Amino acid sequence: MSVAKEKFTQISPAEFFKKNPELVGFTNPARALYQTIRELVENSLDATDVHNILPVIKITIELKDEEKQIYRINVEDNGIGIPPQYVPYAFGQVLYSSKYVYRQTRGMYGLGVKAAVLYSQMHQDKPVEVVTSPLNSKRIYKFKIKIDITKNEPIILERSSISNVNNWHGTSVTIYIYGDWIRSKQKIYEYLKRTYIITPYAEIIFKDPEGNVVYYPRITTTIPKPPQEVKPHPHGVDLEMLKGMIAQQKTNMTIKEFLIEGFQSVGEVTAQKVLELANINPEKKIHDLTEQELVVLMNTLKKYEDFRPPTADSLSVIGEELIELGLKKIFNPEFVSAVTRKPKVYQGHPFIVEAGIAYGGSIPQAKEPIVLRYANKIPLVYDEKSDVVWKIVEEIDWKRYGIEGDQYQLVVMVHLCSTKVPYKTAGKEVIGDVEEIEKEIRNAIMEAARKLRLYIAEKRKEEEAKKKLITYLKYIPEVSRSLAVFEVANKEDVVKLNSIVNEIQTKLLELVSKRLELKDILEYAKQVKVESE
């Protein structure tokens, strides 16, 4: 009996993700429409605010084929644009990206828009259309591109350019997607609203397939400090990363020079100590290191405890001011607070947690708080209850912070920024349970909640004082009139009598206000309709 032999083959990254679109969020037509909008908007924001350009983003969804449910999606921005030589690869080659650097970016995997292009090609034959003009370019470049799935290479169907007479800069991308607007409508609107909450410096215009136009106006010109590219930290190194860094070095420098130039937090003294612990000659050339020496060096770098913590220059926070501004604009609460924590580290990667809390006002009552999750300024809309943020929010005893009953008028917002966000899936919707990060998220929420507790305590104290005031106010007019009678010799002098009554009443109100620690008591007295007679 003959035994069949296994057949081994190789597929390209493009073919792999074409066969497994669910890995990058394209699980069904509704999710595909949402995911495409999200990827394009993220690229637009990275092309604008990261480069200190106030974003203007225009988004249009049109139904082009009702029978096949093909939608035309166009997203245009006023960003830095893309040099024409990179356009085919940026849209036509999977795992090609400008984001493989040690700094915070919205996208991480070099998939994003290419995953949308692959999904587009699976269901219809129109290419992705790209119009772009880099800053200060005299030309506007136009491309029509597909992906060669077998080779993972761009197929340029059309390429042209025209004169840039209006000095426009930015990028416009058009993709045709098999989608489901009805099922994705709520998520897309929610995504754009949550994006605007943390980018109130952006101007966003959205036209949906039903012809509705939503305009989010810019309400501030303050842009968060952009992240800076930095060197890797030694604690975040692994063996393959170490080999890759050495392979990229064209000169055969010494291992000591390599450590100093290749990593942050490593100076001459530190490099010498590390190499002594690893028992490696500091003058040995990097390309002469053996496999065993590389393993020892990697383990030494990971275990050495005297490195300075990673710099936070690679991160860009939203900031307390913008968080509060965005929450006020969207929810119109009676109270809002925000917290930006100090940088922390996990696995050699810096991270910062921010939290915002909005309470009362126009926030609708619900059985649980509204939770807004963000990672590297990306709103996370799907799979909410699987996220570590939800776990923490549900574990917090909100009664400790003054929130009574089983109805909440509460918004809890959390933003995690890092050079390595621990997503549970490649779809980038759920933050995983990492002990260091979970602790910081909890501390950030609780710190913001303590401000809420003080506000609610002050509010209740004032309400109690006002209840007492109402009781006092019932008697103040009569007491004032009785005291005034002793001051006026001629009881028929009504004008003088009323003047003294008013004067005594004002002084009594001031005494009561000091006693009850109430401000603007005269205004409040008018509100409860206590009138002088």
Protein backbone atom coordinates (compact mmCIF):
# COMPACT_ATOMS: atom_id res chain seq x y z
CA MET A 1 0.00 0.00 0.00
CA SER A 2 1.48 3.32 -1.06
CA VAL A 3 1.45 6.26 1.33
CA ALA A 4 0.47 9.63 -0.12
CA LYS A 5 3.13 12.29 0.27
CA GLU A 6 2.36 15.66 1.81
CA LYS A 7 2.47 18.49 -0.69
CA PHE A 8 4.26 21.59 0.57
CA THR A 9 3.59 24.96 -1.04
CA GLN A 10 4.24 28.60 -0.33
CA ILE A 11 1.80 31.49 -0.48
CA SER A 12 2.44 35.22 -0.35
CA PRO A 13 1.34 37.46 2.55
CA ALA A 14 -1.28 38.96 0.22
CA GLU A 15 -2.75 35.55 -0.53
CA PHE A 16 -2.72 34.61 3.15
CA PHE A 17 -4.76 37.65 4.21
CA LYS A 18 -7.01 37.31 1.18
CA LYS A 19 -7.85 33.81 2.43
CA ASN A 20 -8.15 34.95 6.06
CA PRO A 21 -9.76 38.43 5.97
CA GLU A 22 -11.32 37.91 9.41
CA LEU A 23 -7.86 38.23 10.96
CA VAL A 24 -7.86 41.93 10.08
CA GLY A 25 -11.50 42.68 10.84
CA PHE A 26 -13.15 41.88 7.49
CA THR A 27 -15.46 39.20 8.88
CA ASN A 28 -18.66 40.14 7.02
CA PRO A 29 -20.01 42.89 4.69
CA ALA A 30 -21.06 45.14 7.60
CA ARG A 31 -17.73 44.88 9.37
CA ALA A 32 -15.89 45.32 6.04
CA LEU A 33 -17.59 48.67 5.39
CA TYR A 34 -16.77 49.88 8.90
CA GLN A 35 -13.21 48.57 8.79
CA THR A 36 -12.48 50.28 5.46
CA ILE A 37 -13.68 53.64 6.79
CA ARG A 38 -11.62 53.17 9.91
CA GLU A 39 -8.40 52.29 8.08
CA LEU A 40 -8.69 55.24 5.71
CA VAL A 41 -9.54 57.74 8.47
CA GLU A 42 -6.62 56.51 10.59
CA ASN A 43 -4.24 57.02 7.67
CA SER A 44 -5.64 60.51 7.13
CA LEU A 45 -5.15 61.49 10.77
CA ASP A 46 -1.60 60.10 10.81
CA ALA A 47 -0.91 62.16 7.68
CA THR A 48 -2.16 65.36 9.34
CA ASP A 49 -1.98 65.77 13.12
CA VAL A 50 1.26 63.79 13.44
CA HIS A 51 2.80 66.45 11.17
CA ASN A 52 1.13 69.40 12.96
CA ILE A 53 -1.47 69.94 10.23
CA LEU A 54 -5.00 70.74 11.40
CA PRO A 55 -7.00 67.88 9.82
CA VAL A 56 -9.78 68.40 7.30
CA ILE A 57 -11.22 64.98 6.47
CA LYS A 58 -14.02 64.37 3.98
CA ILE A 59 -15.74 60.97 3.96
CA THR A 60 -18.31 59.82 1.40
CA ILE A 61 -20.11 56.48 1.08
CA GLU A 62 -22.25 55.88 -2.02
CA LEU A 63 -24.22 52.80 -3.07
CA LYS A 64 -23.04 52.10 -6.64
CA ASP A 65 -24.62 48.69 -7.28
CA GLU A 66 -27.78 47.98 -5.29
CA GLU A 67 -28.10 44.38 -6.50
CA LYS A 68 -24.53 43.41 -5.59
CA GLN A 69 -24.36 45.82 -2.62
CA ILE A 70 -21.17 47.48 -3.85
CA TYR A 71 -20.35 50.77 -2.11
CA ARG A 72 -17.97 53.46 -3.25
CA ILE A 73 -15.96 54.83 -0.33
CA ASN A 74 -13.91 58.00 -0.69
CA VAL A 75 -11.80 59.58 2.04
CA GLU A 76 -9.86 62.78 1.37
CA ASP A 77 -7.47 64.59 3.68
CA ASN A 78 -5.20 67.64 3.66
CA GLY A 79 -2.16 65.77 4.96
CA ILE A 80 1.45 65.58 3.82
CA GLY A 81 0.59 63.42 0.81
CA ILE A 82 2.54 60.42 -0.47
CA PRO A 83 5.58 60.66 -2.76
CA PRO A 84 4.50 59.09 -6.08
CA GLN A 85 7.25 56.46 -6.09
CA TYR A 86 5.81 54.95 -2.88
CA VAL A 87 2.12 55.02 -3.81
CA PRO A 88 1.98 51.64 -5.62
CA TYR A 89 3.62 49.84 -2.69
CA ALA A 90 1.65 51.70 0.00
CA PHE A 91 -1.60 50.47 -1.57
CA GLY A 92 -0.49 47.36 -3.45
CA GLN A 93 1.95 45.41 -1.28
CA VAL A 94 0.98 43.78 2.00
CA LEU A 95 3.33 44.39 4.94
CA TYR A 96 4.80 47.50 3.29
CA SER A 97 4.43 50.54 5.51
CA SER A 98 6.01 53.68 6.89
CA LYS A 99 4.87 52.67 10.39
CA TYR A 100 7.48 50.02 11.21
CA VAL A 101 9.29 52.44 13.52
CA TYR A 102 9.71 52.89 17.27
CA ARG A 103 7.05 55.51 17.76
CA GLN A 104 3.35 55.54 18.44
CA THR A 105 1.22 55.26 15.30
CA ARG A 106 -2.44 54.54 14.73
CA GLY A 107 -1.64 51.67 12.36
CA MET A 108 0.91 49.00 13.23
CA TYR A 109 0.89 46.07 10.88
CA GLY A 110 1.23 47.41 7.34
CA LEU A 111 -2.10 45.73 6.54
CA GLY A 112 -4.86 48.30 6.99
CA VAL A 113 -5.76 49.77 3.64
CA LYS A 114 -4.20 46.82 1.76
CA ALA A 115 -6.61 44.48 3.56
CA ALA A 116 -9.43 46.67 2.27
CA VAL A 117 -8.01 46.48 -1.26
CA LEU A 118 -7.77 42.69 -1.03
CA TYR A 119 -11.35 42.46 0.22
CA SER A 120 -12.43 44.79 -2.58
CA GLN A 121 -10.80 42.58 -5.21
CA MET A 122 -12.56 39.50 -3.84
CA HIS A 123 -16.02 40.88 -4.69
CA GLN A 124 -15.72 43.24 -7.66
CA ASP A 125 -13.21 44.27 -10.34
CA LYS A 126 -12.66 48.00 -9.82
CA PRO A 127 -9.14 49.01 -8.62
CA VAL A 128 -8.32 51.31 -5.74
CA GLU A 129 -7.99 54.90 -6.95
CA VAL A 130 -5.44 57.17 -5.32
CA VAL A 131 -4.96 60.90 -5.86
CA THR A 132 -2.14 62.51 -3.93
CA SER A 133 0.14 65.51 -3.83
CA PRO A 134 2.99 65.84 -1.31
CA LEU A 135 3.58 69.11 0.50
CA ASN A 136 4.94 71.82 -1.84
CA SER A 137 4.58 69.54 -4.87
CA LYS A 138 3.83 71.16 -8.22
CA ARG A 139 2.07 68.02 -9.47
CA ILE A 140 -0.98 66.00 -8.46
CA TYR A 141 -0.53 62.27 -9.07
CA LYS A 142 -3.30 59.82 -9.92
CA PHE A 143 -3.11 56.02 -9.72
CA LYS A 144 -5.36 53.03 -10.27
CA ILE A 145 -3.90 50.01 -8.52
CA LYS A 146 -4.61 46.36 -7.82
CA ILE A 147 -2.65 43.78 -5.84
CA ASP A 148 -1.05 40.79 -7.53
CA ILE A 149 -2.12 38.33 -4.85
CA THR A 150 0.26 35.56 -5.89
CA LYS A 151 3.35 37.76 -5.96
CA ASN A 152 2.28 40.33 -3.33
CA GLU A 153 3.16 43.11 -5.76
CA PRO A 154 1.26 46.16 -6.99
CA ILE A 155 -0.34 46.14 -10.41
CA ILE A 156 -0.41 49.70 -11.76
CA LEU A 157 -3.35 49.93 -14.16
CA GLU A 158 -3.16 53.69 -14.67
CA ARG A 159 -0.73 56.42 -13.67
CA SER A 160 -0.95 60.10 -14.57
CA SER A 161 -0.26 63.56 -13.18
CA ILE A 162 -1.58 67.08 -13.62
CA SER A 163 -0.37 70.51 -12.63
CA ASN A 164 -1.12 71.49 -9.02
CA VAL A 165 -2.45 74.98 -9.75
CA ASN A 166 -4.20 75.38 -6.36
CA ASN A 167 -1.23 74.17 -4.25
CA TRP A 168 -3.36 71.34 -2.84
CA HIS A 169 -1.68 68.76 -0.65
CA GLY A 170 -3.07 65.57 0.75
CA THR A 171 -4.44 62.23 -0.36
CA SER A 172 -7.79 61.06 -1.71
CA VAL A 173 -8.50 57.32 -1.75
CA THR A 174 -11.47 55.62 -3.41
CA ILE A 175 -12.28 51.94 -2.79
CA TYR A 176 -15.25 49.88 -3.96
CA ILE A 177 -16.42 47.53 -1.20
CA TYR A 178 -19.03 44.80 -0.91
CA GLY A 179 -20.79 46.03 2.20
CA ASP A 180 -23.91 46.25 4.33
CA TRP A 181 -24.74 49.83 5.24
CA ILE A 182 -27.83 49.04 7.29
CA ARG A 183 -25.94 46.78 9.68
CA SER A 184 -22.79 48.93 9.81
CA LYS A 185 -24.49 52.33 10.00
CA GLN A 186 -24.59 52.58 13.79
CA LYS A 187 -20.97 51.47 14.21
CA ILE A 188 -19.66 53.89 11.58
CA TYR A 189 -21.48 56.85 13.10
CA GLU A 190 -20.28 55.81 16.56
CA TYR A 191 -16.70 55.49 15.30
CA LEU A 192 -16.74 59.00 13.81
CA LYS A 193 -18.28 60.49 16.96
CA ARG A 194 -15.67 58.84 19.15
CA THR A 195 -12.90 59.95 16.80
CA TYR A 196 -14.12 63.54 17.08
CA ILE A 197 -14.20 63.37 20.89
CA ILE A 198 -10.40 63.04 20.99
CA THR A 199 -9.69 65.16 17.88
CA PRO A 200 -11.73 68.33 18.48
CA TYR A 201 -9.04 70.10 16.46
CA ALA A 202 -10.21 68.23 13.34
CA GLU A 203 -12.88 69.21 10.83
CA ILE A 204 -14.79 66.13 9.67
CA ILE A 205 -17.47 66.01 6.98
CA PHE A 206 -19.37 62.75 6.42
CA LYS A 207 -21.94 61.97 3.73
CA ASP A 208 -23.68 58.62 4.07
CA PRO A 209 -25.39 56.51 1.36
CA GLU A 210 -28.80 57.93 2.34
CA GLY A 211 -27.69 61.46 1.49
CA ASN A 212 -27.35 62.61 5.10
CA VAL A 213 -24.43 64.95 5.80
CA VAL A 214 -22.87 65.25 9.26
CA TYR A 215 -20.43 68.04 10.02
CA TYR A 216 -18.08 67.99 12.98
CA PRO A 217 -16.61 71.50 13.29
CA ARG A 218 -13.15 72.29 14.60
CA ILE A 219 -13.47 73.77 18.10
CA THR A 220 -9.80 74.23 18.94
CA THR A 221 -6.51 74.66 17.13
CA THR A 222 -4.51 72.84 19.79
CA ILE A 223 -2.86 69.69 18.41
CA PRO A 224 -1.21 67.17 20.75
CA LYS A 225 2.57 66.98 20.63
CA PRO A 226 3.44 64.43 17.92
CA PRO A 227 5.45 61.29 18.76
CA GLN A 228 9.14 61.13 17.92
CA GLU A 229 10.93 58.13 16.44
CA VAL A 230 13.29 56.62 19.02
CA LYS A 231 15.73 53.73 19.31
CA PRO A 232 14.53 50.45 20.84
CA HIS A 233 14.97 49.85 24.55
CA PRO A 234 17.24 46.92 25.56
CA HIS A 235 14.49 45.29 27.65
CA GLY A 236 12.32 44.94 24.54
CA VAL A 237 14.89 43.02 22.49
CA ASP A 238 14.52 39.42 21.31
CA LEU A 239 16.97 37.20 19.44
CA GLU A 240 15.58 37.73 15.94
CA MET A 241 15.35 41.46 16.50
CA LEU A 242 18.98 41.53 17.62
CA LYS A 243 20.06 39.58 14.53
CA GLY A 244 18.04 41.88 12.29
CA MET A 245 19.56 45.01 13.77
CA ILE A 246 23.06 43.62 13.24
CA ALA A 247 22.26 42.51 9.69
CA GLN A 248 21.19 46.06 8.81
CA GLN A 249 24.56 47.47 9.84
CA LYS A 250 26.73 48.01 6.79
CA THR A 251 29.88 48.67 8.80
CA ASN A 252 31.43 45.95 10.95
CA MET A 253 31.47 48.03 14.13
CA THR A 254 32.37 46.68 17.56
CA ILE A 255 29.65 45.24 19.76
CA LYS A 256 30.20 48.06 22.25
CA GLU A 257 29.67 50.69 19.55
CA PHE A 258 26.59 48.80 18.35
CA LEU A 259 24.96 48.83 21.79
CA ILE A 260 25.62 52.55 22.25
CA GLU A 261 24.36 53.56 18.80
CA GLY A 262 21.57 51.00 18.44
CA PHE A 263 19.70 51.32 21.74
CA GLN A 264 18.34 54.04 23.96
CA SER A 265 19.44 54.17 27.62
CA VAL A 266 22.88 52.70 26.76
CA GLY A 267 25.99 54.82 27.20
CA GLU A 268 29.64 53.84 27.24
CA VAL A 269 29.72 52.83 30.92
CA THR A 270 26.46 50.85 30.68
CA ALA A 271 27.59 49.07 27.50
CA GLN A 272 30.84 48.05 29.20
CA LYS A 273 28.98 46.63 32.23
CA VAL A 274 26.53 44.67 30.06
CA LEU A 275 29.31 43.12 27.99
CA GLU A 276 31.27 42.21 31.12
CA LEU A 277 28.19 40.41 32.47
CA ALA A 278 27.74 38.66 29.11
CA ASN A 279 31.48 37.80 29.02
CA ILE A 280 31.82 39.25 25.52
CA ASN A 281 34.87 41.22 24.38
CA PRO A 282 33.69 44.85 23.83
CA GLU A 283 36.02 45.15 20.83
CA LYS A 284 34.62 42.12 19.05
CA LYS A 285 33.03 42.93 15.69
CA ILE A 286 29.27 42.48 15.49
CA HIS A 287 29.39 40.27 12.39
CA ASP A 288 31.80 37.93 14.18
CA LEU A 289 29.45 37.16 17.07
CA THR A 290 28.44 33.51 17.40
CA GLU A 291 24.86 32.32 17.83
CA GLN A 292 25.60 31.42 21.45
CA GLU A 293 27.05 34.89 22.16
CA LEU A 294 23.93 36.52 20.70
CA VAL A 295 21.70 34.43 22.95
CA VAL A 296 23.77 35.34 26.02
CA LEU A 297 23.76 39.02 25.02
CA MET A 298 19.99 39.04 24.53
CA ASN A 299 19.37 37.46 27.95
CA THR A 300 21.79 39.88 29.59
CA LEU A 301 20.06 42.88 28.02
CA LYS A 302 16.68 41.65 29.24
CA LYS A 303 17.88 40.99 32.80
CA TYR A 304 20.10 44.03 33.36
CA GLU A 305 18.22 46.19 35.88
CA ASP A 306 20.14 49.46 35.76
CA PHE A 307 18.91 50.71 32.36
CA ARG A 308 17.01 53.96 32.50
CA PRO A 309 13.28 53.49 31.71
CA PRO A 310 12.30 53.92 28.04
CA THR A 311 11.77 57.51 26.94
CA ALA A 312 8.19 58.67 26.45
CA ASP A 313 9.20 60.84 23.47
CA SER A 314 7.87 58.10 21.21
CA LEU A 315 4.35 58.61 22.58
CA SER A 316 1.70 61.22 21.93
CA VAL A 317 -1.04 61.67 24.51
CA ILE A 318 -4.36 63.39 23.89
CA GLY A 319 -4.01 65.56 26.98
CA GLU A 320 -6.44 66.44 29.76
CA GLU A 321 -7.58 69.68 28.09
CA LEU A 322 -8.61 68.04 24.81
CA ILE A 323 -10.26 65.09 26.56
CA GLU A 324 -12.41 67.42 28.65
CA LEU A 325 -13.19 69.60 25.62
CA GLY A 326 -14.28 66.63 23.51
CA LEU A 327 -16.44 65.07 26.24
CA LYS A 328 -18.15 68.41 26.91
CA LYS A 329 -18.84 68.98 23.22
CA ILE A 330 -20.42 65.57 22.56
CA PHE A 331 -22.16 64.76 25.87
CA ASN A 332 -22.87 68.18 27.44
CA PRO A 333 -22.34 66.86 30.99
CA GLU A 334 -22.62 68.79 34.23
CA PHE A 335 -19.18 67.58 35.30
CA VAL A 336 -16.08 66.35 33.49
CA SER A 337 -12.58 65.42 34.63
CA ALA A 338 -9.53 63.99 32.89
CA VAL A 339 -6.24 62.45 33.96
CA THR A 340 -3.00 61.79 32.08
CA ARG A 341 -0.82 59.38 34.04
CA LYS A 342 2.98 59.34 34.07
CA PRO A 343 4.76 56.97 31.65
CA LYS A 344 5.14 53.33 32.66
CA VAL A 345 6.86 50.34 31.04
CA TYR A 346 5.94 46.81 30.05
CA GLN A 347 8.23 44.40 28.18
CA GLY A 348 10.61 47.26 27.45
CA HIS A 349 7.90 49.38 25.80
CA PRO A 350 6.73 52.69 27.29
CA PHE A 351 3.02 53.33 27.70
CA ILE A 352 0.78 56.06 29.06
CA VAL A 353 -2.81 55.72 30.21
CA GLU A 354 -5.31 58.57 30.12
CA ALA A 355 -8.82 58.57 31.55
CA GLY A 356 -11.78 60.90 31.34
CA ILE A 357 -15.08 60.90 33.22
CA ALA A 358 -18.24 62.80 32.29
CA TYR A 359 -21.25 62.87 34.59
CA GLY A 360 -24.86 64.08 34.53
CA GLY A 361 -26.19 66.80 32.27
CA SER A 362 -27.40 65.50 28.90
CA ILE A 363 -25.86 62.04 29.30
CA PRO A 364 -28.71 59.51 28.93
CA GLN A 365 -29.49 57.29 31.90
CA ALA A 366 -28.56 53.64 31.48
CA LYS A 367 -28.04 50.49 33.51
CA GLU A 368 -24.28 50.69 32.97
CA PRO A 369 -21.77 53.45 32.19
CA ILE A 370 -20.96 54.42 28.61
CA VAL A 371 -17.40 53.19 28.07
CA LEU A 372 -15.17 54.76 25.42
CA ARG A 373 -12.01 52.78 24.65
CA TYR A 374 -9.04 54.13 22.69
CA ALA A 375 -5.64 52.72 21.77
CA ASN A 376 -3.08 55.01 20.12
CA LYS A 377 -5.95 57.43 19.45
CA ILE A 378 -8.02 54.76 17.67
CA PRO A 379 -11.62 54.33 18.90
CA LEU A 380 -12.31 50.68 19.68
CA VAL A 381 -15.97 50.09 18.83
CA TYR A 382 -16.40 46.32 18.46
CA ASP A 383 -16.15 43.52 21.04
CA GLU A 384 -16.41 45.94 23.96
CA LYS A 385 -17.07 43.45 26.74
CA SER A 386 -13.96 41.42 25.82
CA ASP A 387 -11.67 44.34 26.60
CA VAL A 388 -9.67 44.81 29.80
CA VAL A 389 -11.13 48.32 30.15
CA TRP A 390 -14.68 46.95 30.48
CA LYS A 391 -13.48 44.41 33.00
CA ILE A 392 -12.08 47.19 35.19
CA VAL A 393 -15.13 49.46 34.83
CA GLU A 394 -17.42 46.60 35.92
CA GLU A 395 -15.21 45.80 38.92
CA ILE A 396 -15.17 49.36 40.28
CA ASP A 397 -17.63 50.09 43.12
CA TRP A 398 -19.11 53.33 41.80
CA LYS A 399 -21.04 53.93 45.03
CA ARG A 400 -17.68 54.82 46.60
CA TYR A 401 -17.56 57.75 44.19
CA GLY A 402 -21.04 59.05 44.94
CA ILE A 403 -23.05 57.32 42.23
CA GLU A 404 -26.11 55.75 43.81
CA GLY A 405 -28.85 53.52 42.42
CA ASP A 406 -28.87 51.22 39.41
CA GLN A 407 -29.04 53.97 36.78
CA TYR A 408 -25.93 55.71 35.50
CA GLN A 409 -25.45 59.07 33.83
CA LEU A 410 -21.77 58.34 33.39
CA VAL A 411 -19.20 58.21 30.59
CA VAL A 412 -15.85 56.52 31.27
CA MET A 413 -13.15 57.09 28.64
CA VAL A 414 -9.75 55.36 28.60
CA HIS A 415 -6.86 55.93 26.19
CA LEU A 416 -3.80 53.69 26.07
CA CYS A 417 -0.85 54.83 23.98
CA SER A 418 2.26 52.73 23.48
CA THR A 419 4.82 51.64 20.91
CA LYS A 420 3.32 48.17 21.40
CA VAL A 421 -0.38 47.92 22.21
CA PRO A 422 -1.21 44.36 23.35
CA TYR A 423 -4.18 43.75 21.06
CA LYS A 424 -5.85 40.37 21.37
CA THR A 425 -6.45 40.16 17.61
CA ALA A 426 -5.02 41.64 14.41
CA GLY A 427 -8.32 43.49 14.00
CA LYS A 428 -7.11 45.93 16.70
CA GLU A 429 -10.39 46.12 18.64
CA VAL A 430 -9.61 44.53 22.02
CA ILE A 431 -6.82 45.35 24.49
CA GLY A 432 -5.48 42.27 26.23
CA ASP A 433 -4.98 41.65 29.95
CA VAL A 434 -1.42 42.77 30.71
CA GLU A 435 -0.81 43.20 34.44
CA GLU A 436 1.14 46.47 34.23
CA ILE A 437 -1.37 48.04 31.83
CA GLU A 438 -4.42 46.80 33.75
CA LYS A 439 -3.07 48.35 36.95
CA GLU A 440 -2.48 51.71 35.29
CA ILE A 441 -5.94 51.76 33.68
CA ARG A 442 -7.52 51.07 37.06
CA ASN A 443 -5.45 53.81 38.73
CA ALA A 444 -6.30 56.32 35.99
CA ILE A 445 -10.05 55.68 36.21
CA MET A 446 -9.99 55.85 40.00
CA GLU A 447 -7.98 59.09 39.96
CA ALA A 448 -10.52 60.73 37.64
CA ALA A 449 -13.37 59.25 39.71
CA ARG A 450 -12.02 60.83 42.90
CA LYS A 451 -12.52 64.23 41.32
CA LEU A 452 -16.10 63.20 40.55
CA ARG A 453 -16.60 62.12 44.17
CA LEU A 454 -15.51 65.54 45.42
CA TYR A 455 -17.85 67.25 42.97
CA ILE A 456 -20.84 65.08 43.97
CA ALA A 457 -20.07 65.59 47.67
CA GLU A 458 -19.95 69.37 47.20
CA LYS A 459 -23.13 69.26 45.15
CA ARG A 460 -25.02 67.28 47.81
CA LYS A 461 -23.72 69.57 50.53
CA GLU A 462 -25.00 72.54 48.58
CA GLU A 463 -28.37 70.88 47.99
CA GLU A 464 -28.76 70.22 51.72
CA ALA A 465 -27.84 73.82 52.46
CA LYS A 466 -30.41 75.03 49.94
CA LYS A 467 -33.12 72.94 51.62
CA LYS A 468 -32.28 74.62 54.92
CA LEU A 469 -32.23 77.97 53.17
CA ILE A 470 -35.78 77.50 51.94
CA THR A 471 -36.88 77.07 55.54
CA TYR A 472 -35.05 80.26 56.59
CA LEU A 473 -36.38 82.18 53.61
CA LYS A 474 -39.95 81.60 54.74
CA TYR A 475 -39.31 83.71 57.84
CA ILE A 476 -36.79 86.31 56.63
CA PRO A 477 -39.39 88.68 55.06
CA GLU A 478 -41.53 88.75 58.23
CA VAL A 479 -38.52 89.10 60.54
CA SER A 480 -37.14 91.91 58.36
CA ARG A 481 -40.45 93.81 58.46
CA SER A 482 -40.75 93.40 62.23
CA LEU A 483 -37.21 94.69 62.83
CA ALA A 484 -37.74 97.59 60.41
CA VAL A 485 -40.73 98.83 62.44
CA PHE A 486 -38.40 99.63 65.35
CA GLU A 487 -36.20 101.77 63.07
CA VAL A 488 -38.92 103.97 61.58
CA ALA A 489 -40.51 106.59 63.81
CA ASN A 490 -43.24 107.45 61.28
CA LYS A 491 -44.93 104.16 60.44
CA GLU A 492 -46.75 105.90 57.59
CA ASP A 493 -43.43 106.49 55.77
CA VAL A 494 -43.84 103.46 53.48
CA VAL A 495 -40.86 104.28 51.24
CA LYS A 496 -38.43 104.45 54.14
CA LEU A 497 -39.97 101.39 55.75
CA ASN A 498 -39.57 99.29 52.60
CA SER A 499 -35.99 100.52 52.16
CA ILE A 500 -35.04 99.38 55.66
CA VAL A 501 -36.88 96.08 55.17
CA ASN A 502 -34.83 95.42 52.03
CA GLU A 503 -31.59 96.35 53.79
CA ILE A 504 -32.28 94.05 56.76
CA GLN A 505 -33.41 91.24 54.47
CA THR A 506 -30.16 91.48 52.46
CA LYS A 507 -28.04 91.33 55.62
CA LEU A 508 -30.01 88.37 56.93
CA LEU A 509 -29.48 86.57 53.62
CA GLU A 510 -25.76 87.24 53.83
CA LEU A 511 -25.62 85.84 57.37
CA VAL A 512 -27.49 82.73 56.25
CA SER A 513 -25.16 82.30 53.26
CA LYS A 514 -22.10 82.35 55.51
CA ARG A 515 -23.74 79.92 57.88
CA LEU A 516 -24.66 77.49 55.07
CA GLU A 517 -21.55 78.23 52.97
CA LEU A 518 -23.69 79.09 49.94
CA LYS A 519 -22.56 81.33 47.09
CA ASP A 520 -24.81 83.68 45.07
CA ILE A 521 -27.49 83.42 47.72
CA LEU A 522 -29.40 86.47 46.48
CA GLU A 523 -29.68 84.91 43.03
CA TYR A 524 -30.87 81.66 44.56
CA ALA A 525 -33.41 83.52 46.67
CA LYS A 526 -34.90 84.88 43.44
CA GLN A 527 -35.02 81.37 41.99
CA VAL A 528 -37.13 80.08 44.88
CA LYS A 529 -39.38 83.14 44.48
CA VAL A 530 -38.89 84.69 47.89
CA GLU A 531 -39.90 88.30 47.44
CA SER A 532 -39.47 91.26 49.70
CA GLU A 533 -42.66 92.99 50.67
